[in-house]
Amino acid sequence: FIILRPIKKYGQTPGKKILKLKILNDDFVVNFSWWQIIFR
């Protein structure tokens, strides 16, 4: 609930949201598979 789901849904963990950062795929979209998030 703190790390994996927020990345999947928003591309941001709480720390990234506070600091205005976002995780994206190489094609500049938030569209991660669960395995990609867990592995990362």
PDB file of all heavy atoms in Angstrom:
ATOM      1  N   PHE A   1       0.794  -1.224   0.000  1.00  0.00           N
ATOM      2  CA  PHE A   1       0.000   0.000   0.000  1.00  0.00           C
ATOM      3  C   PHE A   1       0.829   1.278   0.000  1.00  0.00           C
ATOM      4  O   PHE A   1       0.353   2.321  -0.436  1.00  0.00           O
ATOM      5  CB  PHE A   1      -0.976   0.015   1.186  1.00  0.00           C
ATOM      6  CG  PHE A   1      -2.177  -0.847   0.956  1.00  0.00           C
ATOM      7  CD1 PHE A   1      -2.316  -2.059   1.608  1.00  0.00           C
ATOM      8  CD2 PHE A   1      -3.163  -0.464   0.061  1.00  0.00           C
ATOM      9  CE1 PHE A   1      -3.420  -2.861   1.385  1.00  0.00           C
ATOM     10  CE2 PHE A   1      -4.272  -1.262  -0.179  1.00  0.00           C
ATOM     11  CZ  PHE A   1      -4.392  -2.470   0.492  1.00  0.00           C
ATOM     12  N   ILE A   2       2.074   1.217   0.443  1.00  0.00           N
ATOM     13  CA  ILE A   2       2.890   2.423   0.506  1.00  0.00           C
ATOM     14  C   ILE A   2       3.806   2.567  -0.702  1.00  0.00           C
ATOM     15  O   ILE A   2       4.052   3.674  -1.175  1.00  0.00           O
ATOM     16  CB  ILE A   2       3.692   2.452   1.823  1.00  0.00           C
ATOM     17  CG1 ILE A   2       2.708   2.610   2.976  1.00  0.00           C
ATOM     18  CG2 ILE A   2       4.728   3.562   1.836  1.00  0.00           C
ATOM     19  CD1 ILE A   2       3.303   2.431   4.333  1.00  0.00           C
ATOM     20  N   ILE A   3       4.296   1.450  -1.240  1.00  0.00           N
ATOM     21  CA  ILE A   3       5.263   1.517  -2.342  1.00  0.00           C
ATOM     22  C   ILE A   3       4.685   0.987  -3.653  1.00  0.00           C
ATOM     23  O   ILE A   3       4.613   1.697  -4.657  1.00  0.00           O
ATOM     24  CB  ILE A   3       6.559   0.750  -1.990  1.00  0.00           C
ATOM     25  CG1 ILE A   3       7.175   1.257  -0.685  1.00  0.00           C
ATOM     26  CG2 ILE A   3       7.548   0.803  -3.149  1.00  0.00           C
ATOM     27  CD1 ILE A   3       7.661   2.682  -0.711  1.00  0.00           C
ATOM     28  N   LEU A   4       4.265  -0.263  -3.672  1.00  0.00           N
ATOM     29  CA  LEU A   4       3.916  -0.929  -4.932  1.00  0.00           C
ATOM     30  C   LEU A   4       2.657  -0.373  -5.589  1.00  0.00           C
ATOM     31  O   LEU A   4       2.666  -0.032  -6.776  1.00  0.00           O
ATOM     32  CB  LEU A   4       3.776  -2.430  -4.701  1.00  0.00           C
ATOM     33  CG  LEU A   4       5.011  -3.132  -4.130  1.00  0.00           C
ATOM     34  CD1 LEU A   4       4.725  -4.596  -3.874  1.00  0.00           C
ATOM     35  CD2 LEU A   4       6.198  -2.945  -5.033  1.00  0.00           C
ATOM     36  N   ARG A   5       1.574  -0.290  -4.853  1.00  0.00           N
ATOM     37  CA  ARG A   5       0.306   0.177  -5.432  1.00  0.00           C
ATOM     38  C   ARG A   5       0.392   1.624  -5.919  1.00  0.00           C
ATOM     39  O   ARG A   5      -0.077   1.933  -7.021  1.00  0.00           O
ATOM     40  CB  ARG A   5      -0.832  -0.007  -4.431  1.00  0.00           C
ATOM     41  CG  ARG A   5      -2.188   0.311  -5.020  1.00  0.00           C
ATOM     42  CD  ARG A   5      -3.297  -0.097  -4.046  1.00  0.00           C
ATOM     43  NE  ARG A   5      -4.589   0.161  -4.610  1.00  0.00           N
ATOM     44  CZ  ARG A   5      -5.278   1.285  -4.417  1.00  0.00           C
ATOM     45  NH1 ARG A   5      -4.769   2.248  -3.658  1.00  0.00           N
ATOM     46  NH2 ARG A   5      -6.458   1.455  -4.959  1.00  0.00           N
ATOM     47  N   PRO A   6       0.975   2.545  -5.127  1.00  0.00           N
ATOM     48  CA  PRO A   6       1.099   3.917  -5.649  1.00  0.00           C
ATOM     49  C   PRO A   6       1.940   4.025  -6.921  1.00  0.00           C
ATOM     50  O   PRO A   6       1.647   4.840  -7.788  1.00  0.00           O
ATOM     51  CB  PRO A   6       1.748   4.682  -4.494  1.00  0.00           C
ATOM     52  CG  PRO A   6       1.374   3.920  -3.276  1.00  0.00           C
ATOM     53  CD  PRO A   6       1.350   2.483  -3.711  1.00  0.00           C
ATOM     54  N   ILE A   7       2.975   3.190  -7.040  1.00  0.00           N
ATOM     55  CA  ILE A   7       3.763   3.209  -8.285  1.00  0.00           C
ATOM     56  C   ILE A   7       2.908   2.708  -9.435  1.00  0.00           C
ATOM     57  O   ILE A   7       2.907   3.295 -10.520  1.00  0.00           O
ATOM     58  CB  ILE A   7       5.047   2.368  -8.146  1.00  0.00           C
ATOM     59  CG1 ILE A   7       6.022   3.035  -7.186  1.00  0.00           C
ATOM     60  CG2 ILE A   7       5.708   2.177  -9.515  1.00  0.00           C
ATOM     61  CD1 ILE A   7       7.249   2.210  -6.889  1.00  0.00           C
ATOM     62  N   LYS A   8       2.180   1.622  -9.229  1.00  0.00           N
ATOM     63  CA  LYS A   8       1.336   1.057 -10.287  1.00  0.00           C
ATOM     64  C   LYS A   8       0.273   2.060 -10.737  1.00  0.00           C
ATOM     65  O   LYS A   8       0.031   2.231 -11.922  1.00  0.00           O
ATOM     66  CB  LYS A   8       0.676  -0.228  -9.763  1.00  0.00           C
ATOM     67  CG  LYS A   8      -0.335  -0.854 -10.696  1.00  0.00           C
ATOM     68  CD  LYS A   8       0.327  -1.615 -11.799  1.00  0.00           C
ATOM     69  CE  LYS A   8      -0.704  -2.425 -12.574  1.00  0.00           C
ATOM     70  NZ  LYS A   8      -0.251  -2.751 -13.885  1.00  0.00           N
ATOM     71  N   LYS A   9      -0.343   2.726  -9.765  1.00  0.00           N
ATOM     72  CA  LYS A   9      -1.466   3.604 -10.076  1.00  0.00           C
ATOM     73  C   LYS A   9      -1.035   5.007 -10.525  1.00  0.00           C
ATOM     74  O   LYS A   9      -1.609   5.568 -11.455  1.00  0.00           O
ATOM     75  CB  LYS A   9      -2.375   3.705  -8.852  1.00  0.00           C
ATOM     76  CG  LYS A   9      -3.718   4.290  -9.136  1.00  0.00           C
ATOM     77  CD  LYS A   9      -4.666   4.071  -7.986  1.00  0.00           C
ATOM     78  CE  LYS A   9      -6.035   4.558  -8.373  1.00  0.00           C
ATOM     79  NZ  LYS A   9      -7.024   4.305  -7.368  1.00  0.00           N
ATOM     80  N   TYR A  10      -0.023   5.571  -9.854  1.00  0.00           N
ATOM     81  CA  TYR A  10       0.320   6.973 -10.103  1.00  0.00           C
ATOM     82  C   TYR A  10       1.761   7.193 -10.582  1.00  0.00           C
ATOM     83  O   TYR A  10       2.126   8.302 -10.958  1.00  0.00           O
ATOM     84  CB  TYR A  10       0.138   7.807  -8.828  1.00  0.00           C
ATOM     85  CG  TYR A  10      -1.216   7.663  -8.211  1.00  0.00           C
ATOM     86  CD1 TYR A  10      -1.381   6.969  -7.005  1.00  0.00           C
ATOM     87  CD2 TYR A  10      -2.349   8.201  -8.815  1.00  0.00           C
ATOM     88  CE1 TYR A  10      -2.635   6.837  -6.431  1.00  0.00           C
ATOM     89  CE2 TYR A  10      -3.593   8.067  -8.250  1.00  0.00           C
ATOM     90  CZ  TYR A  10      -3.733   7.384  -7.057  1.00  0.00           C
ATOM     91  OH  TYR A  10      -4.968   7.243  -6.486  1.00  0.00           O
ATOM     92  N   GLY A  11       2.605   6.153 -10.479  1.00  0.00           N
ATOM     93  CA  GLY A  11       4.012   6.340 -10.805  1.00  0.00           C
ATOM     94  C   GLY A  11       4.766   7.074  -9.711  1.00  0.00           C
ATOM     95  O   GLY A  11       5.860   7.581  -9.939  1.00  0.00           O
ATOM     96  N   GLN A  12       4.193   7.117  -8.514  1.00  0.00           N
ATOM     97  CA  GLN A  12       4.797   7.856  -7.421  1.00  0.00           C
ATOM     98  C   GLN A  12       4.626   7.123  -6.094  1.00  0.00           C
ATOM     99  O   GLN A  12       3.547   6.627  -5.795  1.00  0.00           O
ATOM    100  CB  GLN A  12       4.152   9.233  -7.263  1.00  0.00           C
ATOM    101  CG  GLN A  12       4.367  10.166  -8.421  1.00  0.00           C
ATOM    102  CD  GLN A  12       3.640  11.475  -8.208  1.00  0.00           C
ATOM    103  OE1 GLN A  12       2.426  11.504  -8.110  1.00  0.00           O
ATOM    104  NE2 GLN A  12       4.397  12.558  -8.119  1.00  0.00           N
ATOM    105  N   THR A  13       5.699   7.076  -5.320  1.00  0.00           N
ATOM    106  CA  THR A  13       5.621   6.666  -3.933  1.00  0.00           C
ATOM    107  C   THR A  13       5.322   7.923  -3.119  1.00  0.00           C
ATOM    108  O   THR A  13       5.381   9.034  -3.671  1.00  0.00           O
ATOM    109  CB  THR A  13       6.966   6.065  -3.484  1.00  0.00           C
ATOM    110  OG1 THR A  13       7.976   7.068  -3.647  1.00  0.00           O
ATOM    111  CG2 THR A  13       7.319   4.821  -4.284  1.00  0.00           C
ATOM    112  N   PRO A  14       5.023   7.808  -1.833  1.00  0.00           N
ATOM    113  CA  PRO A  14       4.784   9.032  -1.053  1.00  0.00           C
ATOM    114  C   PRO A  14       5.962  10.009  -1.094  1.00  0.00           C
ATOM    115  O   PRO A  14       5.766  11.218  -1.250  1.00  0.00           O
ATOM    116  CB  PRO A  14       4.543   8.502   0.363  1.00  0.00           C
ATOM    117  CG  PRO A  14       4.017   7.128   0.171  1.00  0.00           C
ATOM    118  CD  PRO A  14       4.724   6.604  -1.042  1.00  0.00           C
ATOM    119  N   GLY A  15       7.182   9.499  -0.994  1.00  0.00           N
ATOM    120  CA  GLY A  15       8.357  10.379  -1.053  1.00  0.00           C
ATOM    121  C   GLY A  15       8.489  11.070  -2.392  1.00  0.00           C
ATOM    122  O   GLY A  15       8.821  12.253  -2.467  1.00  0.00           O
ATOM    123  N   LYS A  16       8.217  10.351  -3.463  1.00  0.00           N
ATOM    124  CA  LYS A  16       8.286  10.954  -4.793  1.00  0.00           C
ATOM    125  C   LYS A  16       7.172  11.982  -4.983  1.00  0.00           C
ATOM    126  O   LYS A  16       7.374  13.012  -5.618  1.00  0.00           O
ATOM    127  CB  LYS A  16       8.238   9.875  -5.867  1.00  0.00           C
ATOM    128  CG  LYS A  16       9.568   9.139  -6.000  1.00  0.00           C
ATOM    129  CD  LYS A  16       9.549   8.135  -7.099  1.00  0.00           C
ATOM    130  CE  LYS A  16      10.891   7.482  -7.286  1.00  0.00           C
ATOM    131  NZ  LYS A  16      11.591   7.048  -6.085  1.00  0.00           N
ATOM    132  N   LYS A  17       6.008  11.712  -4.437  1.00  0.00           N
ATOM    133  CA  LYS A  17       4.898  12.668  -4.538  1.00  0.00           C
ATOM    134  C   LYS A  17       5.235  13.966  -3.795  1.00  0.00           C
ATOM    135  O   LYS A  17       5.014  15.059  -4.314  1.00  0.00           O
ATOM    136  CB  LYS A  17       3.615  12.055  -4.002  1.00  0.00           C
ATOM    137  CG  LYS A  17       2.402  12.920  -4.233  1.00  0.00           C
ATOM    138  CD  LYS A  17       1.146  12.158  -3.872  1.00  0.00           C
ATOM    139  CE  LYS A  17      -0.087  12.977  -4.116  1.00  0.00           C
ATOM    140  NZ  LYS A  17      -0.496  13.016  -5.499  1.00  0.00           N
ATOM    141  N   ILE A  18       5.783  13.841  -2.594  1.00  0.00           N
ATOM    142  CA  ILE A  18       6.160  15.026  -1.808  1.00  0.00           C
ATOM    143  C   ILE A  18       7.203  15.852  -2.550  1.00  0.00           C
ATOM    144  O   ILE A  18       7.129  17.084  -2.581  1.00  0.00           O
ATOM    145  CB  ILE A  18       6.683  14.592  -0.419  1.00  0.00           C
ATOM    146  CG1 ILE A  18       5.532  14.025   0.430  1.00  0.00           C
ATOM    147  CG2 ILE A  18       7.360  15.754   0.303  1.00  0.00           C
ATOM    148  CD1 ILE A  18       5.979  13.287   1.683  1.00  0.00           C
ATOM    149  N   LEU A  19       8.165  15.182  -3.174  1.00  0.00           N
ATOM    150  CA  LEU A  19       9.261  15.884  -3.858  1.00  0.00           C
ATOM    151  C   LEU A  19       9.011  16.117  -5.340  1.00  0.00           C
ATOM    152  O   LEU A  19       9.907  16.540  -6.070  1.00  0.00           O
ATOM    153  CB  LEU A  19      10.559  15.099  -3.657  1.00  0.00           C
ATOM    154  CG  LEU A  19      11.017  15.032  -2.199  1.00  0.00           C
ATOM    155  CD1 LEU A  19      12.214  14.117  -2.051  1.00  0.00           C
ATOM    156  CD2 LEU A  19      11.324  16.417  -1.664  1.00  0.00           C
ATOM    157  N   LYS A  20       7.783  15.832  -5.779  1.00  0.00           N
ATOM    158  CA  LYS A  20       7.356  16.076  -7.164  1.00  0.00           C
ATOM    159  C   LYS A  20       8.223  15.319  -8.179  1.00  0.00           C
ATOM    160  O   LYS A  20       8.718  15.880  -9.144  1.00  0.00           O
ATOM    161  CB  LYS A  20       7.311  17.563  -7.468  1.00  0.00           C
ATOM    162  CG  LYS A  20       6.293  18.315  -6.630  1.00  0.00           C
ATOM    163  CD  LYS A  20       6.026  19.667  -7.205  1.00  0.00           C
ATOM    164  CE  LYS A  20       4.979  20.411  -6.426  1.00  0.00           C
ATOM    165  NZ  LYS A  20       3.653  19.912  -6.545  1.00  0.00           N
ATOM    166  N   LEU A  21       8.386  14.014  -7.918  1.00  0.00           N
ATOM    167  CA  LEU A  21       9.057  13.119  -8.838  1.00  0.00           C
ATOM    168  C   LEU A  21       8.056  12.107  -9.346  1.00  0.00           C
ATOM    169  O   LEU A  21       7.044  11.843  -8.699  1.00  0.00           O
ATOM    170  CB  LEU A  21      10.206  12.375  -8.144  1.00  0.00           C
ATOM    171  CG  LEU A  21      11.375  13.203  -7.645  1.00  0.00           C
ATOM    172  CD1 LEU A  21      12.321  12.349  -6.828  1.00  0.00           C
ATOM    173  CD2 LEU A  21      12.105  13.859  -8.799  1.00  0.00           C
ATOM    174  N   LYS A  22       8.340  11.514 -10.491  1.00  0.00           N
ATOM    175  CA  LYS A  22       7.443  10.505 -11.048  1.00  0.00           C
ATOM    176  C   LYS A  22       8.273   9.461 -11.785  1.00  0.00           C
ATOM    177  O   LYS A  22       9.219   9.793 -12.478  1.00  0.00           O
ATOM    178  CB  LYS A  22       6.441  11.160 -11.996  1.00  0.00           C
ATOM    179  CG  LYS A  22       5.310  10.275 -12.416  1.00  0.00           C
ATOM    180  CD  LYS A  22       4.285  11.090 -13.202  1.00  0.00           C
ATOM    181  CE  LYS A  22       2.975  10.382 -13.230  1.00  0.00           C
ATOM    182  NZ  LYS A  22       1.930  11.017 -12.498  1.00  0.00           N
ATOM    183  N   ILE A  23       7.881   8.185 -11.612  1.00  0.00           N
ATOM    184  CA  ILE A  23       8.516   7.077 -12.324  1.00  0.00           C
ATOM    185  C   ILE A  23       7.710   6.819 -13.590  1.00  0.00           C
ATOM    186  O   ILE A  23       6.484   6.729 -13.539  1.00  0.00           O
ATOM    187  CB  ILE A  23       8.543   5.804 -11.461  1.00  0.00           C
ATOM    188  CG1 ILE A  23       9.227   6.062 -10.126  1.00  0.00           C
ATOM    189  CG2 ILE A  23       9.237   4.666 -12.209  1.00  0.00           C
ATOM    190  CD1 ILE A  23       9.030   4.953  -9.121  1.00  0.00           C
ATOM    191  N   LEU A  24       8.411   6.697 -14.710  1.00  0.00           N
ATOM    192  CA  LEU A  24       7.763   6.434 -15.991  1.00  0.00           C
ATOM    193  C   LEU A  24       8.466   5.282 -16.696  1.00  0.00           C
ATOM    194  O   LEU A  24       9.617   4.985 -16.404  1.00  0.00           O
ATOM    195  CB  LEU A  24       7.854   7.668 -16.898  1.00  0.00           C
ATOM    196  CG  LEU A  24       7.285   8.975 -16.372  1.00  0.00           C
ATOM    197  CD1 LEU A  24       7.679  10.114 -17.290  1.00  0.00           C
ATOM    198  CD2 LEU A  24       5.782   8.885 -16.245  1.00  0.00           C
ATOM    199  N   ASN A  25       7.764   4.670 -17.627  1.00  0.00           N
ATOM    200  CA  ASN A  25       8.394   3.704 -18.525  1.00  0.00           C
ATOM    201  C   ASN A  25       9.247   4.455 -19.525  1.00  0.00           C
ATOM    202  O   ASN A  25       9.177   5.685 -19.635  1.00  0.00           O
ATOM    203  CB  ASN A  25       7.325   2.888 -19.273  1.00  0.00           C
ATOM    204  CG  ASN A  25       6.871   1.694 -18.482  1.00  0.00           C
ATOM    205  OD1 ASN A  25       7.642   1.095 -17.749  1.00  0.00           O
ATOM    206  ND2 ASN A  25       5.608   1.349 -18.633  1.00  0.00           N
ATOM    207  N   ASP A  26      10.021   3.726 -20.301  1.00  0.00           N
ATOM    208  CA  ASP A  26      10.867   4.357 -21.322  1.00  0.00           C
ATOM    209  C   ASP A  26      10.075   5.175 -22.339  1.00  0.00           C
ATOM    210  O   ASP A  26      10.594   6.104 -22.922  1.00  0.00           O
ATOM    211  CB  ASP A  26      11.688   3.291 -22.060  1.00  0.00           C
ATOM    212  CG  ASP A  26      12.948   2.938 -21.295  1.00  0.00           C
ATOM    213  OD1 ASP A  26      13.378   3.730 -20.441  1.00  0.00           O
ATOM    214  OD2 ASP A  26      13.505   1.859 -21.577  1.00  0.00           O
ATOM    215  N   ASP A  27       8.804   4.822 -22.536  1.00  0.00           N
ATOM    216  CA  ASP A  27       7.983   5.578 -23.486  1.00  0.00           C
ATOM    217  C   ASP A  27       7.226   6.726 -22.817  1.00  0.00           C
ATOM    218  O   ASP A  27       6.251   7.234 -23.347  1.00  0.00           O
ATOM    219  CB  ASP A  27       7.038   4.647 -24.247  1.00  0.00           C
ATOM    220  CG  ASP A  27       6.163   3.819 -23.322  1.00  0.00           C
ATOM    221  OD1 ASP A  27       6.317   3.919 -22.084  1.00  0.00           O
ATOM    222  OD2 ASP A  27       5.314   3.070 -23.834  1.00  0.00           O
ATOM    223  N   PHE A  28       7.674   7.135 -21.628  1.00  0.00           N
ATOM    224  CA  PHE A  28       7.171   8.299 -20.898  1.00  0.00           C
ATOM    225  C   PHE A  28       5.712   8.183 -20.473  1.00  0.00           C
ATOM    226  O   PHE A  28       4.982   9.177 -20.455  1.00  0.00           O
ATOM    227  CB  PHE A  28       7.379   9.591 -21.710  1.00  0.00           C
ATOM    228  CG  PHE A  28       8.828   9.928 -21.901  1.00  0.00           C
ATOM    229  CD1 PHE A  28       9.474   9.583 -23.068  1.00  0.00           C
ATOM    230  CD2 PHE A  28       9.545  10.563 -20.906  1.00  0.00           C
ATOM    231  CE1 PHE A  28      10.812   9.877 -23.254  1.00  0.00           C
ATOM    232  CE2 PHE A  28      10.882  10.854 -21.077  1.00  0.00           C
ATOM    233  CZ  PHE A  28      11.527  10.522 -22.249  1.00  0.00           C
ATOM    234  N   VAL A  29       5.268   6.995 -20.123  1.00  0.00           N
ATOM    235  CA  VAL A  29       3.927   6.803 -19.578  1.00  0.00           C
ATOM    236  C   VAL A  29       4.018   5.976 -18.301  1.00  0.00           C
ATOM    237  O   VAL A  29       4.984   5.274 -18.066  1.00  0.00           O
ATOM    238  CB  VAL A  29       2.975   6.097 -20.583  1.00  0.00           C
ATOM    239  CG1 VAL A  29       2.710   6.957 -21.789  1.00  0.00           C
ATOM    240  CG2 VAL A  29       3.500   4.739 -20.971  1.00  0.00           C
ATOM    241  N   VAL A  30       2.967   6.104 -17.477  1.00  0.00           N
ATOM    242  CA  VAL A  30       2.850   5.282 -16.285  1.00  0.00           C
ATOM    243  C   VAL A  30       1.996   4.082 -16.670  1.00  0.00           C
ATOM    244  O   VAL A  30       0.780   4.160 -16.720  1.00  0.00           O
ATOM    245  CB  VAL A  30       2.185   6.066 -15.120  1.00  0.00           C
ATOM    246  CG1 VAL A  30       2.002   5.163 -13.910  1.00  0.00           C
ATOM    247  CG2 VAL A  30       2.993   7.287 -14.763  1.00  0.00           C
ATOM    248  N   ASN A  31       2.653   3.005 -16.993  1.00  0.00           N
ATOM    249  CA  ASN A  31       1.953   1.785 -17.383  1.00  0.00           C
ATOM    250  C   ASN A  31       2.867   0.612 -17.061  1.00  0.00           C
ATOM    251  O   ASN A  31       3.547   0.085 -17.926  1.00  0.00           O
ATOM    252  CB  ASN A  31       1.611   1.817 -18.877  1.00  0.00           C
ATOM    253  CG  ASN A  31       0.805   0.613 -19.286  1.00  0.00           C
ATOM    254  OD1 ASN A  31       0.208  -0.056 -18.448  1.00  0.00           O
ATOM    255  ND2 ASN A  31       0.791   0.313 -20.563  1.00  0.00           N
ATOM    256  N   PHE A  32       2.896   0.243 -15.794  1.00  0.00           N
ATOM    257  CA  PHE A  32       3.807  -0.787 -15.328  1.00  0.00           C
ATOM    258  C   PHE A  32       3.080  -2.103 -15.123  1.00  0.00           C
ATOM    259  O   PHE A  32       1.933  -2.123 -14.705  1.00  0.00           O
ATOM    260  CB  PHE A  32       4.431  -0.384 -13.976  1.00  0.00           C
ATOM    261  CG  PHE A  32       5.129   0.937 -14.002  1.00  0.00           C
ATOM    262  CD1 PHE A  32       4.569   2.048 -13.402  1.00  0.00           C
ATOM    263  CD2 PHE A  32       6.356   1.070 -14.619  1.00  0.00           C
ATOM    264  CE1 PHE A  32       5.214   3.261 -13.409  1.00  0.00           C
ATOM    265  CE2 PHE A  32       7.013   2.277 -14.636  1.00  0.00           C
ATOM    266  CZ  PHE A  32       6.445   3.383 -14.030  1.00  0.00           C
ATOM    267  N   SER A  33       3.788  -3.196 -15.361  1.00  0.00           N
ATOM    268  CA  SER A  33       3.267  -4.502 -14.958  1.00  0.00           C
ATOM    269  C   SER A  33       3.653  -4.702 -13.495  1.00  0.00           C
ATOM    270  O   SER A  33       4.595  -4.073 -12.987  1.00  0.00           O
ATOM    271  CB  SER A  33       3.871  -5.612 -15.813  1.00  0.00           C
ATOM    272  OG  SER A  33       5.238  -5.790 -15.494  1.00  0.00           O
ATOM    273  N   TRP A  34       2.927  -5.575 -12.821  1.00  0.00           N
ATOM    274  CA  TRP A  34       3.254  -5.850 -11.421  1.00  0.00           C
ATOM    275  C   TRP A  34       4.655  -6.418 -11.292  1.00  0.00           C
ATOM    276  O   TRP A  34       5.394  -6.080 -10.364  1.00  0.00           O
ATOM    277  CB  TRP A  34       2.223  -6.790 -10.791  1.00  0.00           C
ATOM    278  CG  TRP A  34       0.968  -6.074 -10.415  1.00  0.00           C
ATOM    279  CD1 TRP A  34      -0.251  -6.183 -11.014  1.00  0.00           C
ATOM    280  CD2 TRP A  34       0.816  -5.098  -9.381  1.00  0.00           C
ATOM    281  NE1 TRP A  34      -1.150  -5.346 -10.408  1.00  0.00           N
ATOM    282  CE2 TRP A  34      -0.521  -4.669  -9.402  1.00  0.00           C
ATOM    283  CE3 TRP A  34       1.680  -4.542  -8.437  1.00  0.00           C
ATOM    284  CZ2 TRP A  34      -1.015  -3.721  -8.514  1.00  0.00           C
ATOM    285  CZ3 TRP A  34       1.188  -3.595  -7.550  1.00  0.00           C
ATOM    286  CH2 TRP A  34      -0.143  -3.199  -7.594  1.00  0.00           C
ATOM    287  N   TRP A  35       5.038  -7.288 -12.218  1.00  0.00           N
ATOM    288  CA  TRP A  35       6.374  -7.882 -12.153  1.00  0.00           C
ATOM    289  C   TRP A  35       7.444  -6.823 -12.338  1.00  0.00           C
ATOM    290  O   TRP A  35       8.500  -6.892 -11.707  1.00  0.00           O
ATOM    291  CB  TRP A  35       6.518  -9.001 -13.180  1.00  0.00           C
ATOM    292  CG  TRP A  35       5.667 -10.173 -12.827  1.00  0.00           C
ATOM    293  CD1 TRP A  35       4.593 -10.642 -13.526  1.00  0.00           C
ATOM    294  CD2 TRP A  35       5.783 -11.008 -11.670  1.00  0.00           C
ATOM    295  NE1 TRP A  35       4.026 -11.708 -12.868  1.00  0.00           N
ATOM    296  CE2 TRP A  35       4.747 -11.954 -11.718  1.00  0.00           C
ATOM    297  CE3 TRP A  35       6.660 -11.032 -10.590  1.00  0.00           C
ATOM    298  CZ2 TRP A  35       4.571 -12.922 -10.742  1.00  0.00           C
ATOM    299  CZ3 TRP A  35       6.483 -12.000  -9.617  1.00  0.00           C
ATOM    300  CH2 TRP A  35       5.454 -12.923  -9.696  1.00  0.00           C
ATOM    301  N   GLN A  36       7.208  -5.866 -13.200  1.00  0.00           N
ATOM    302  CA  GLN A  36       8.170  -4.797 -13.429  1.00  0.00           C
ATOM    303  C   GLN A  36       8.370  -3.975 -12.150  1.00  0.00           C
ATOM    304  O   GLN A  36       9.496  -3.650 -11.772  1.00  0.00           O
ATOM    305  CB  GLN A  36       7.685  -3.903 -14.570  1.00  0.00           C
ATOM    306  CG  GLN A  36       8.643  -2.815 -14.978  1.00  0.00           C
ATOM    307  CD  GLN A  36       8.073  -1.953 -16.104  1.00  0.00           C
ATOM    308  OE1 GLN A  36       6.877  -1.940 -16.363  1.00  0.00           O
ATOM    309  NE2 GLN A  36       8.953  -1.229 -16.773  1.00  0.00           N
ATOM    310  N   ILE A  37       7.280  -3.664 -11.468  1.00  0.00           N
ATOM    311  CA  ILE A  37       7.363  -2.878 -10.234  1.00  0.00           C
ATOM    312  C   ILE A  37       8.079  -3.662  -9.139  1.00  0.00           C
ATOM    313  O   ILE A  37       8.984  -3.153  -8.475  1.00  0.00           O
ATOM    314  CB  ILE A  37       5.954  -2.469  -9.752  1.00  0.00           C
ATOM    315  CG1 ILE A  37       5.295  -1.546 -10.759  1.00  0.00           C
ATOM    316  CG2 ILE A  37       6.028  -1.798  -8.389  1.00  0.00           C
ATOM    317  CD1 ILE A  37       3.825  -1.338 -10.518  1.00  0.00           C
ATOM    318  N   ILE A  38       7.653  -4.907  -8.946  1.00  0.00           N
ATOM    319  CA  ILE A  38       8.255  -5.729  -7.892  1.00  0.00           C
ATOM    320  C   ILE A  38       9.730  -5.944  -8.170  1.00  0.00           C
ATOM    321  O   ILE A  38      10.570  -5.796  -7.269  1.00  0.00           O
ATOM    322  CB  ILE A  38       7.497  -7.067  -7.759  1.00  0.00           C
ATOM    323  CG1 ILE A  38       6.104  -6.811  -7.198  1.00  0.00           C
ATOM    324  CG2 ILE A  38       8.278  -8.055  -6.893  1.00  0.00           C
ATOM    325  CD1 ILE A  38       5.161  -7.997  -7.292  1.00  0.00           C
ATOM    326  N   PHE A  39      10.082  -6.254  -9.411  1.00  0.00           N
ATOM    327  CA  PHE A  39      11.485  -6.468  -9.753  1.00  0.00           C
ATOM    328  C   PHE A  39      12.293  -5.190  -9.551  1.00  0.00           C
ATOM    329  O   PHE A  39      13.403  -5.223  -9.007  1.00  0.00           O
ATOM    330  CB  PHE A  39      11.629  -6.984 -11.193  1.00  0.00           C
ATOM    331  CG  PHE A  39      13.018  -7.418 -11.508  1.00  0.00           C
ATOM    332  CD1 PHE A  39      13.488  -8.643 -11.075  1.00  0.00           C
ATOM    333  CD2 PHE A  39      13.867  -6.592 -12.227  1.00  0.00           C
ATOM    334  CE1 PHE A  39      14.787  -9.046 -11.342  1.00  0.00           C
ATOM    335  CE2 PHE A  39      15.164  -6.979 -12.500  1.00  0.00           C
ATOM    336  CZ  PHE A  39      15.629  -8.212 -12.055  1.00  0.00           C
ATOM    337  N   ARG A  40      11.746  -4.042  -9.961  1.00  0.00           N
ATOM    338  CA  ARG A  40      12.461  -2.771  -9.816  1.00  0.00           C
ATOM    339  C   ARG A  40      12.705  -2.432  -8.357  1.00  0.00           C
ATOM    340  O   ARG A  40      13.808  -2.084  -7.965  1.00  0.00           O
ATOM    341  CB  ARG A  40      11.667  -1.636 -10.474  1.00  0.00           C
ATOM    342  CG  ARG A  40      12.358  -0.286 -10.397  1.00  0.00           C
ATOM    343  CD  ARG A  40      11.488   0.819 -11.001  1.00  0.00           C
ATOM    344  NE  ARG A  40      12.233   2.032 -11.226  1.00  0.00           N
ATOM    345  CZ  ARG A  40      12.412   2.978 -10.301  1.00  0.00           C
ATOM    346  NH1 ARG A  40      11.890   2.841  -9.100  1.00  0.00           N
ATOM    347  NH2 ARG A  40      13.113   4.065 -10.595  1.00  0.00           N
TER     348      ARG A  40
END
